[in-house]
Amino acid sequence: MDAEAQHTERDRSSHPAGSEEISDTEGTEERSRFALADRLPGGRITLTVLFCLFFLLLLSRFVIQPFQIPSGSMEPGLRIGDRVLVNKLAYRFGAEPRRGDVVVFDGTGYFGDADYIKRVVGVGGDHVVCCDRQGRIEVNGRSVDESTFLFPGDKPSEVSFDVAVPDGTLFVLGDHRGDSSDSRDHLGSPGGGMIPLDDVIGRADWIAWPLGHWTRLGRADGYARVPAATGPSTPAASRPSAPASSGPSTADGVHG
């Protein structure tokens, strides 16, 4: 009887020690988990804010980047002060810009030392002409109806051109043709006004600000019906083109 009571007492006395050991372990893990937060001014709130900022930095660097529109070159769709969200992964896994896409690109060495936003009119291998008998732009023999996005009162182009888009490049125009410095203004410059695919930052997918102008930027339907190029492209410099024009006086780049 005494032996049984002694055994029971030993069992009971061992539990607090075990509980204390478990409690100490959990406390150590808890303290190490929030050690950094305790050393920062503001504690866990500051750590959370820093984590969010780091996440946004990674998001902007590799996935989605906002750009502000500083000019009217893409009106009426994009207005001065609008902020667009550019999808930087759109062309990173084998996909390439398509006719009608709105893209942001680095114009250094071609347009100027800035980032620009324009609509893709021709891709590598395309034959782009302006204008047909109805005054419309023609791509690979197909006239394009741009009435859904062209600035009211603008002609498709005041400058006549006949160009072949070299492989690996883009021919781009602003939607406000009367207030846009684009490929037409650099036809006689090195590169013929073409934008290398490697300089494309991404595709503008959304207008994020102001909230009242929030909308998705889709591909222009008129270009969806353009047939594919039938043969290899000819370098633009070997085809006759109009001389470079002075272009509009307004700044045309976008701000990241």
C-alpha atoms as a PDB file:
ATOM      1  CA  MET A   1       0.000   0.000   0.000  1.00  0.00           C
ATOM      2  CA  ASP A   2       2.837   2.354   0.846  1.00  0.00           C
ATOM      3  CA  ALA A   3       4.674   1.395  -2.304  1.00  0.00           C
ATOM      4  CA  GLU A   4       1.588   2.178  -4.419  1.00  0.00           C
ATOM      5  CA  ALA A   5       1.109   5.550  -2.727  1.00  0.00           C
ATOM      6  CA  GLN A   6       4.783   6.349  -3.211  1.00  0.00           C
ATOM      7  CA  HIS A   7       4.581   5.452  -6.921  1.00  0.00           C
ATOM      8  CA  THR A   8       1.495   7.654  -7.364  1.00  0.00           C
ATOM      9  CA  GLU A   9       3.233  10.543  -5.646  1.00  0.00           C
ATOM     10  CA  ARG A  10       6.250  10.193  -7.943  1.00  0.00           C
ATOM     11  CA  ASP A  11       3.947  10.253 -10.994  1.00  0.00           C
ATOM     12  CA  ARG A  12       2.220  13.399  -9.816  1.00  0.00           C
ATOM     13  CA  SER A  13       5.453  15.161  -8.965  1.00  0.00           C
ATOM     14  CA  SER A  14       6.867  14.465 -12.448  1.00  0.00           C
ATOM     15  CA  HIS A  15       4.058  16.288 -14.312  1.00  0.00           C
ATOM     16  CA  PRO A  16       4.854  19.893 -13.303  1.00  0.00           C
ATOM     17  CA  ALA A  17       8.479  19.437 -14.339  1.00  0.00           C
ATOM     18  CA  GLY A  18       7.396  18.154 -17.748  1.00  0.00           C
ATOM     19  CA  SER A  19       4.886  20.943 -18.142  1.00  0.00           C
ATOM     20  CA  GLU A  20       7.546  23.468 -17.198  1.00  0.00           C
ATOM     21  CA  GLU A  21       9.914  22.020 -19.804  1.00  0.00           C
ATOM     22  CA  ILE A  22       7.292  22.258 -22.573  1.00  0.00           C
ATOM     23  CA  SER A  23       6.369  25.792 -21.537  1.00  0.00           C
ATOM     24  CA  ASP A  24      10.017  26.873 -21.664  1.00  0.00           C
ATOM     25  CA  THR A  25      10.434  25.441 -25.166  1.00  0.00           C
ATOM     26  CA  GLU A  26       7.330  27.169 -26.486  1.00  0.00           C
ATOM     27  CA  GLY A  27       8.389  30.421 -24.868  1.00  0.00           C
ATOM     28  CA  THR A  28      11.816  30.258 -26.546  1.00  0.00           C
ATOM     29  CA  GLU A  29      10.246  29.681 -29.963  1.00  0.00           C
ATOM     30  CA  GLU A  30       7.777  32.513 -29.383  1.00  0.00           C
ATOM     31  CA  ARG A  31      10.537  34.903 -28.333  1.00  0.00           C
ATOM     32  CA  SER A  32      12.775  34.025 -31.301  1.00  0.00           C
ATOM     33  CA  ARG A  33       9.845  34.395 -33.689  1.00  0.00           C
ATOM     34  CA  PHE A  34       9.223  38.002 -32.706  1.00  0.00           C
ATOM     35  CA  ALA A  35      12.767  38.979 -31.745  1.00  0.00           C
ATOM     36  CA  LEU A  36      13.189  41.119 -34.871  1.00  0.00           C
ATOM     37  CA  ALA A  37       9.824  42.795 -34.379  1.00  0.00           C
ATOM     38  CA  ASP A  38      10.752  43.647 -30.779  1.00  0.00           C
ATOM     39  CA  ARG A  39      13.932  45.395 -31.914  1.00  0.00           C
ATOM     40  CA  LEU A  40      12.124  47.600 -34.469  1.00  0.00           C
ATOM     41  CA  PRO A  41      10.394  50.870 -33.563  1.00  0.00           C
ATOM     42  CA  GLY A  42       6.703  50.116 -33.713  1.00  0.00           C
ATOM     43  CA  GLY A  43       7.225  46.386 -33.253  1.00  0.00           C
ATOM     44  CA  ARG A  44       5.105  43.995 -35.267  1.00  0.00           C
ATOM     45  CA  ILE A  45       3.283  46.766 -37.128  1.00  0.00           C
ATOM     46  CA  THR A  46       6.565  48.093 -38.558  1.00  0.00           C
ATOM     47  CA  LEU A  47       7.651  44.580 -39.535  1.00  0.00           C
ATOM     48  CA  THR A  48       4.349  44.005 -41.330  1.00  0.00           C
ATOM     49  CA  VAL A  49       4.669  47.309 -43.204  1.00  0.00           C
ATOM     50  CA  LEU A  50       8.246  46.481 -44.263  1.00  0.00           C
ATOM     51  CA  PHE A  51       7.154  43.061 -45.472  1.00  0.00           C
ATOM     52  CA  CYS A  52       4.332  44.601 -47.526  1.00  0.00           C
ATOM     53  CA  LEU A  53       6.690  47.170 -49.050  1.00  0.00           C
ATOM     54  CA  PHE A  54       9.170  44.441 -49.975  1.00  0.00           C
ATOM     55  CA  PHE A  55       6.390  42.416 -51.575  1.00  0.00           C
ATOM     56  CA  LEU A  56       5.185  45.445 -53.569  1.00  0.00           C
ATOM     57  CA  LEU A  57       8.751  46.117 -54.712  1.00  0.00           C
ATOM     58  CA  LEU A  58       9.089  42.573 -56.038  1.00  0.00           C
ATOM     59  CA  LEU A  59       5.650  42.809 -57.652  1.00  0.00           C
ATOM     60  CA  SER A  60       6.560  46.074 -59.411  1.00  0.00           C
ATOM     61  CA  ARG A  61       9.976  44.798 -60.487  1.00  0.00           C
ATOM     62  CA  PHE A  62       8.909  41.506 -61.992  1.00  0.00           C
ATOM     63  CA  VAL A  63       5.114  41.331 -62.432  1.00  0.00           C
ATOM     64  CA  ILE A  64       3.069  44.547 -62.619  1.00  0.00           C
ATOM     65  CA  GLN A  65       4.364  48.116 -62.817  1.00  0.00           C
ATOM     66  CA  PRO A  66       2.284  51.316 -62.759  1.00  0.00           C
ATOM     67  CA  PHE A  67       3.000  54.110 -65.252  1.00  0.00           C
ATOM     68  CA  GLN A  68       1.557  57.610 -65.394  1.00  0.00           C
ATOM     69  CA  ILE A  69       0.379  59.127 -68.689  1.00  0.00           C
ATOM     70  CA  PRO A  70       1.951  62.601 -69.136  1.00  0.00           C
ATOM     71  CA  SER A  71       0.621  63.527 -72.594  1.00  0.00           C
ATOM     72  CA  GLY A  72      -2.428  63.209 -74.814  1.00  0.00           C
ATOM     73  CA  SER A  73      -0.763  60.941 -77.390  1.00  0.00           C
ATOM     74  CA  MET A  74      -3.056  57.999 -76.539  1.00  0.00           C
ATOM     75  CA  GLU A  75      -6.329  59.894 -76.163  1.00  0.00           C
ATOM     76  CA  PRO A  76      -9.209  59.322 -75.960  1.00  0.00           C
ATOM     77  CA  GLY A  77      -8.534  55.957 -74.312  1.00  0.00           C
ATOM     78  CA  LEU A  78      -5.688  57.145 -72.085  1.00  0.00           C
ATOM     79  CA  ARG A  79      -5.884  60.644 -70.656  1.00  0.00           C
ATOM     80  CA  ILE A  80      -3.256  62.877 -69.081  1.00  0.00           C
ATOM     81  CA  GLY A  81      -2.785  61.820 -65.450  1.00  0.00           C
ATOM     82  CA  ASP A  82      -4.150  58.299 -65.904  1.00  0.00           C
ATOM     83  CA  ARG A  83      -2.175  55.511 -64.267  1.00  0.00           C
ATOM     84  CA  VAL A  84      -1.953  52.245 -66.156  1.00  0.00           C
ATOM     85  CA  LEU A  85      -0.879  48.852 -64.854  1.00  0.00           C
ATOM     86  CA  VAL A  86       1.649  47.195 -67.144  1.00  0.00           C
ATOM     87  CA  ASN A  87       1.840  43.408 -67.212  1.00  0.00           C
ATOM     88  CA  LYS A  88       5.569  42.651 -67.344  1.00  0.00           C
ATOM     89  CA  LEU A  89       5.008  38.893 -67.717  1.00  0.00           C
ATOM     90  CA  ALA A  90       2.802  39.182 -70.821  1.00  0.00           C
ATOM     91  CA  TYR A  91       5.696  38.587 -73.213  1.00  0.00           C
ATOM     92  CA  ARG A  92       8.132  36.693 -71.011  1.00  0.00           C
ATOM     93  CA  PHE A  93       7.212  33.066 -71.720  1.00  0.00           C
ATOM     94  CA  GLY A  94       7.315  32.787 -75.491  1.00  0.00           C
ATOM     95  CA  ALA A  95       4.412  35.132 -76.264  1.00  0.00           C
ATOM     96  CA  GLU A  96       5.051  38.263 -78.344  1.00  0.00           C
ATOM     97  CA  PRO A  97       3.157  41.534 -78.799  1.00  0.00           C
ATOM     98  CA  ARG A  98       0.217  41.346 -81.184  1.00  0.00           C
ATOM     99  CA  ARG A  99      -1.215  43.965 -83.477  1.00  0.00           C
ATOM    100  CA  GLY A 100      -3.611  46.137 -81.495  1.00  0.00           C
ATOM    101  CA  ASP A 101      -1.879  45.649 -78.130  1.00  0.00           C
ATOM    102  CA  VAL A 102      -1.019  48.739 -76.096  1.00  0.00           C
ATOM    103  CA  VAL A 103       2.589  48.379 -74.961  1.00  0.00           C
ATOM    104  CA  VAL A 104       5.124  50.302 -72.896  1.00  0.00           C
ATOM    105  CA  PHE A 105       8.714  50.263 -74.142  1.00  0.00           C
ATOM    106  CA  ASP A 106      12.090  51.846 -73.503  1.00  0.00           C
ATOM    107  CA  GLY A 107      12.657  54.354 -76.299  1.00  0.00           C
ATOM    108  CA  THR A 108      16.313  55.015 -75.531  1.00  0.00           C
ATOM    109  CA  GLY A 109      18.238  55.259 -78.792  1.00  0.00           C
ATOM    110  CA  TYR A 110      15.078  55.223 -80.905  1.00  0.00           C
ATOM    111  CA  PHE A 111      12.472  57.699 -79.636  1.00  0.00           C
ATOM    112  CA  GLY A 112      14.266  59.402 -76.743  1.00  0.00           C
ATOM    113  CA  ASP A 113      15.595  58.670 -73.276  1.00  0.00           C
ATOM    114  CA  ALA A 114      12.244  57.737 -71.751  1.00  0.00           C
ATOM    115  CA  ASP A 115       9.591  55.034 -71.598  1.00  0.00           C
ATOM    116  CA  TYR A 116       6.719  55.345 -74.105  1.00  0.00           C
ATOM    117  CA  ILE A 117       3.246  53.896 -74.476  1.00  0.00           C
ATOM    118  CA  LYS A 118       1.864  53.197 -77.960  1.00  0.00           C
ATOM    119  CA  ARG A 119      -0.367  50.822 -79.896  1.00  0.00           C
ATOM    120  CA  VAL A 120       1.214  48.035 -81.939  1.00  0.00           C
ATOM    121  CA  VAL A 121       0.283  48.428 -85.610  1.00  0.00           C
ATOM    122  CA  GLY A 122       2.779  46.076 -87.237  1.00  0.00           C
ATOM    123  CA  VAL A 123       4.852  43.109 -86.022  1.00  0.00           C
ATOM    124  CA  GLY A 124       7.853  41.412 -87.578  1.00  0.00           C
ATOM    125  CA  GLY A 125       7.218  40.492 -91.214  1.00  0.00           C
ATOM    126  CA  ASP A 126       4.249  42.854 -91.683  1.00  0.00           C
ATOM    127  CA  HIS A 127       3.819  45.269 -94.586  1.00  0.00           C
ATOM    128  CA  VAL A 128       2.252  48.496 -93.293  1.00  0.00           C
ATOM    129  CA  VAL A 129       0.972  51.166 -95.695  1.00  0.00           C
ATOM    130  CA  CYS A 130      -0.814  54.459 -95.289  1.00  0.00           C
ATOM    131  CA  CYS A 131      -3.103  55.082 -96.698  1.00  0.00           C
ATOM    132  CA  ASP A 132      -5.602  53.107 -98.796  1.00  0.00           C
ATOM    133  CA  ARG A 133      -8.241  54.739-100.998  1.00  0.00           C
ATOM    134  CA  GLN A 134     -10.496  55.317 -97.984  1.00  0.00           C
ATOM    135  CA  GLY A 135      -7.647  56.909 -96.019  1.00  0.00           C
ATOM    136  CA  ARG A 136      -7.168  53.897 -93.710  1.00  0.00           C
ATOM    137  CA  ILE A 137      -3.996  52.127 -92.621  1.00  0.00           C
ATOM    138  CA  GLU A 138      -3.418  48.859 -94.431  1.00  0.00           C
ATOM    139  CA  VAL A 139      -1.539  45.904 -92.932  1.00  0.00           C
ATOM    140  CA  ASN A 140      -0.644  42.914 -95.098  1.00  0.00           C
ATOM    141  CA  GLY A 141      -3.209  44.039 -97.666  1.00  0.00           C
ATOM    142  CA  ARG A 142      -6.065  44.367 -95.133  1.00  0.00           C
ATOM    143  CA  SER A 143      -7.496  47.798 -94.318  1.00  0.00           C
ATOM    144  CA  VAL A 144      -7.915  48.397 -90.585  1.00  0.00           C
ATOM    145  CA  ASP A 145     -10.935  50.100 -89.033  1.00  0.00           C
ATOM    146  CA  GLU A 146      -9.514  52.217 -86.193  1.00  0.00           C
ATOM    147  CA  SER A 147     -12.666  54.215 -85.516  1.00  0.00           C
ATOM    148  CA  THR A 148     -13.257  52.615 -82.111  1.00  0.00           C
ATOM    149  CA  PHE A 149     -10.090  54.074 -80.553  1.00  0.00           C
ATOM    150  CA  LEU A 150      -8.781  56.813 -82.882  1.00  0.00           C
ATOM    151  CA  PHE A 151      -9.024  60.352 -81.519  1.00  0.00           C
ATOM    152  CA  PRO A 152     -12.186  62.044 -82.916  1.00  0.00           C
ATOM    153  CA  GLY A 153     -11.341  64.161 -85.950  1.00  0.00           C
ATOM    154  CA  ASP A 154      -7.902  62.594 -86.486  1.00  0.00           C
ATOM    155  CA  LYS A 155      -6.940  60.903 -89.726  1.00  0.00           C
ATOM    156  CA  PRO A 156      -5.117  57.568 -89.463  1.00  0.00           C
ATOM    157  CA  SER A 157      -2.009  59.513 -90.518  1.00  0.00           C
ATOM    158  CA  GLU A 158      -1.117  62.826 -92.113  1.00  0.00           C
ATOM    159  CA  VAL A 159       2.196  61.234 -93.166  1.00  0.00           C
ATOM    160  CA  SER A 160       2.220  58.681 -95.977  1.00  0.00           C
ATOM    161  CA  PHE A 161       4.431  55.638 -95.499  1.00  0.00           C
ATOM    162  CA  ASP A 162       5.106  52.198 -96.931  1.00  0.00           C
ATOM    163  CA  VAL A 163       7.233  50.069 -94.626  1.00  0.00           C
ATOM    164  CA  ALA A 164       8.200  46.475 -94.005  1.00  0.00           C
ATOM    165  CA  VAL A 165       8.619  45.637 -90.335  1.00  0.00           C
ATOM    166  CA  PRO A 166      11.840  43.672 -89.734  1.00  0.00           C
ATOM    167  CA  ASP A 167      11.648  40.498 -87.673  1.00  0.00           C
ATOM    168  CA  GLY A 168      12.082  41.107 -83.966  1.00  0.00           C
ATOM    169  CA  THR A 169      10.698  44.663 -84.101  1.00  0.00           C
ATOM    170  CA  LEU A 170       7.399  46.552 -83.849  1.00  0.00           C
ATOM    171  CA  PHE A 171       5.827  49.468 -85.729  1.00  0.00           C
ATOM    172  CA  VAL A 172       3.859  51.556 -83.217  1.00  0.00           C
ATOM    173  CA  LEU A 173       1.476  54.534 -83.337  1.00  0.00           C
ATOM    174  CA  GLY A 174      -0.362  56.677 -80.799  1.00  0.00           C
ATOM    175  CA  ASP A 175      -4.162  56.750 -80.853  1.00  0.00           C
ATOM    176  CA  HIS A 176      -4.119  60.564 -80.999  1.00  0.00           C
ATOM    177  CA  ARG A 177      -2.299  60.695 -84.326  1.00  0.00           C
ATOM    178  CA  GLY A 178      -2.260  64.491 -84.359  1.00  0.00           C
ATOM    179  CA  ASP A 179      -0.457  64.661 -80.985  1.00  0.00           C
ATOM    180  CA  SER A 180       1.791  61.614 -80.992  1.00  0.00           C
ATOM    181  CA  SER A 181       5.493  61.176 -81.639  1.00  0.00           C
ATOM    182  CA  ASP A 182       5.708  57.583 -82.859  1.00  0.00           C
ATOM    183  CA  SER A 183       7.188  55.359 -85.564  1.00  0.00           C
ATOM    184  CA  ARG A 184       6.113  57.780 -88.288  1.00  0.00           C
ATOM    185  CA  ASP A 185       8.384  60.500 -86.908  1.00  0.00           C
ATOM    186  CA  HIS A 186      11.465  58.295 -87.108  1.00  0.00           C
ATOM    187  CA  LEU A 187      11.066  56.651 -90.512  1.00  0.00           C
ATOM    188  CA  GLY A 188      14.280  58.261 -91.745  1.00  0.00           C
ATOM    189  CA  SER A 189      16.222  57.703 -88.513  1.00  0.00           C
ATOM    190  CA  PRO A 190      18.476  54.739 -87.666  1.00  0.00           C
ATOM    191  CA  GLY A 191      16.213  51.779 -87.075  1.00  0.00           C
ATOM    192  CA  GLY A 192      13.450  53.271 -89.214  1.00  0.00           C
ATOM    193  CA  GLY A 193      11.199  53.977 -86.240  1.00  0.00           C
ATOM    194  CA  MET A 194      10.978  50.289 -85.327  1.00  0.00           C
ATOM    195  CA  ILE A 195      11.029  49.163 -81.688  1.00  0.00           C
ATOM    196  CA  PRO A 196      13.081  46.038 -80.816  1.00  0.00           C
ATOM    197  CA  LEU A 197      11.114  43.404 -78.932  1.00  0.00           C
ATOM    198  CA  ASP A 198      13.830  43.336 -76.262  1.00  0.00           C
ATOM    199  CA  ASP A 199      12.962  46.939 -75.349  1.00  0.00           C
ATOM    200  CA  VAL A 200       9.299  46.194 -74.645  1.00  0.00           C
ATOM    201  CA  ILE A 201       8.637  46.477 -70.902  1.00  0.00           C
ATOM    202  CA  GLY A 202       5.170  44.959 -70.996  1.00  0.00           C
ATOM    203  CA  ARG A 203       1.543  45.232 -72.044  1.00  0.00           C
ATOM    204  CA  ALA A 204      -0.751  47.877 -70.558  1.00  0.00           C
ATOM    205  CA  ASP A 205      -3.720  45.869 -69.279  1.00  0.00           C
ATOM    206  CA  TRP A 206      -5.613  48.193 -66.920  1.00  0.00           C
ATOM    207  CA  ILE A 207      -6.304  51.835 -66.204  1.00  0.00           C
ATOM    208  CA  ALA A 208      -6.049  51.839 -62.411  1.00  0.00           C
ATOM    209  CA  TRP A 209      -6.445  55.545 -61.645  1.00  0.00           C
ATOM    210  CA  PRO A 210      -8.559  57.615 -61.378  1.00  0.00           C
ATOM    211  CA  LEU A 211     -11.109  55.151 -60.065  1.00  0.00           C
ATOM    212  CA  GLY A 212     -13.821  56.629 -62.263  1.00  0.00           C
ATOM    213  CA  HIS A 213     -11.762  55.704 -65.318  1.00  0.00           C
ATOM    214  CA  TRP A 214     -10.941  52.156 -64.167  1.00  0.00           C
ATOM    215  CA  THR A 215     -11.167  49.847 -67.170  1.00  0.00           C
ATOM    216  CA  ARG A 216      -9.417  46.982 -68.915  1.00  0.00           C
ATOM    217  CA  LEU A 217      -7.366  47.756 -72.004  1.00  0.00           C
ATOM    218  CA  GLY A 218      -8.133  45.056 -74.530  1.00  0.00           C
ATOM    219  CA  ARG A 219      -6.733  44.323 -77.952  1.00  0.00           C
ATOM    220  CA  ALA A 220      -8.240  46.465 -80.727  1.00  0.00           C
ATOM    221  CA  ASP A 221     -10.688  44.346 -82.738  1.00  0.00           C
ATOM    222  CA  GLY A 222      -9.757  45.974 -86.042  1.00  0.00           C
ATOM    223  CA  TYR A 223      -6.269  44.439 -85.939  1.00  0.00           C
ATOM    224  CA  ALA A 224      -7.526  40.984 -84.997  1.00  0.00           C
ATOM    225  CA  ARG A 225      -8.675  40.471 -88.589  1.00  0.00           C
ATOM    226  CA  VAL A 226      -5.318  41.316 -90.169  1.00  0.00           C
ATOM    227  CA  PRO A 227      -3.841  38.243 -91.932  1.00  0.00           C
ATOM    228  CA  ALA A 228      -0.393  36.969 -91.038  1.00  0.00           C
ATOM    229  CA  ALA A 229       2.575  38.096 -93.104  1.00  0.00           C
ATOM    230  CA  THR A 230       3.072  35.863 -96.139  1.00  0.00           C
ATOM    231  CA  GLY A 231       6.834  36.091 -96.471  1.00  0.00           C
ATOM    232  CA  PRO A 232      10.071  37.209 -94.869  1.00  0.00           C
ATOM    233  CA  SER A 233      10.290  40.880 -94.046  1.00  0.00           C
ATOM    234  CA  THR A 234      12.432  43.350 -95.920  1.00  0.00           C
ATOM    235  CA  PRO A 235      14.513  45.787 -93.862  1.00  0.00           C
ATOM    236  CA  ALA A 236      12.620  49.039 -93.568  1.00  0.00           C
ATOM    237  CA  ALA A 237      15.605  51.043 -94.784  1.00  0.00           C
ATOM    238  CA  SER A 238      15.398  49.388 -98.228  1.00  0.00           C
ATOM    239  CA  ARG A 239      11.866  50.603 -98.835  1.00  0.00           C
ATOM    240  CA  PRO A 240      10.892  54.161 -99.679  1.00  0.00           C
ATOM    241  CA  SER A 241       9.675  56.154 -96.668  1.00  0.00           C
ATOM    242  CA  ALA A 242       8.679  59.664 -95.805  1.00  0.00           C
ATOM    243  CA  PRO A 243      11.253  61.961 -94.191  1.00  0.00           C
ATOM    244  CA  ALA A 244      11.148  62.295 -90.444  1.00  0.00           C
ATOM    245  CA  SER A 245       8.778  64.989 -89.252  1.00  0.00           C
ATOM    246  CA  SER A 246       9.302  67.353 -86.358  1.00  0.00           C
ATOM    247  CA  GLY A 247       6.345  65.819 -84.474  1.00  0.00           C
ATOM    248  CA  PRO A 248       4.359  67.411 -81.676  1.00  0.00           C
ATOM    249  CA  SER A 249       6.015  69.630 -79.108  1.00  0.00           C
ATOM    250  CA  THR A 250       4.481  67.907 -76.071  1.00  0.00           C
ATOM    251  CA  ALA A 251       6.412  65.380 -74.012  1.00  0.00           C
ATOM    252  CA  ASP A 252       5.318  61.899 -75.010  1.00  0.00           C
ATOM    253  CA  GLY A 253       6.934  59.471 -72.566  1.00  0.00           C
ATOM    254  CA  VAL A 254       5.335  57.715 -69.618  1.00  0.00           C
ATOM    255  CA  HIS A 255       6.513  57.914 -66.022  1.00  0.00           C
ATOM    256  CA  GLY A 256       6.977  54.819 -63.912  1.00  0.00           C
END
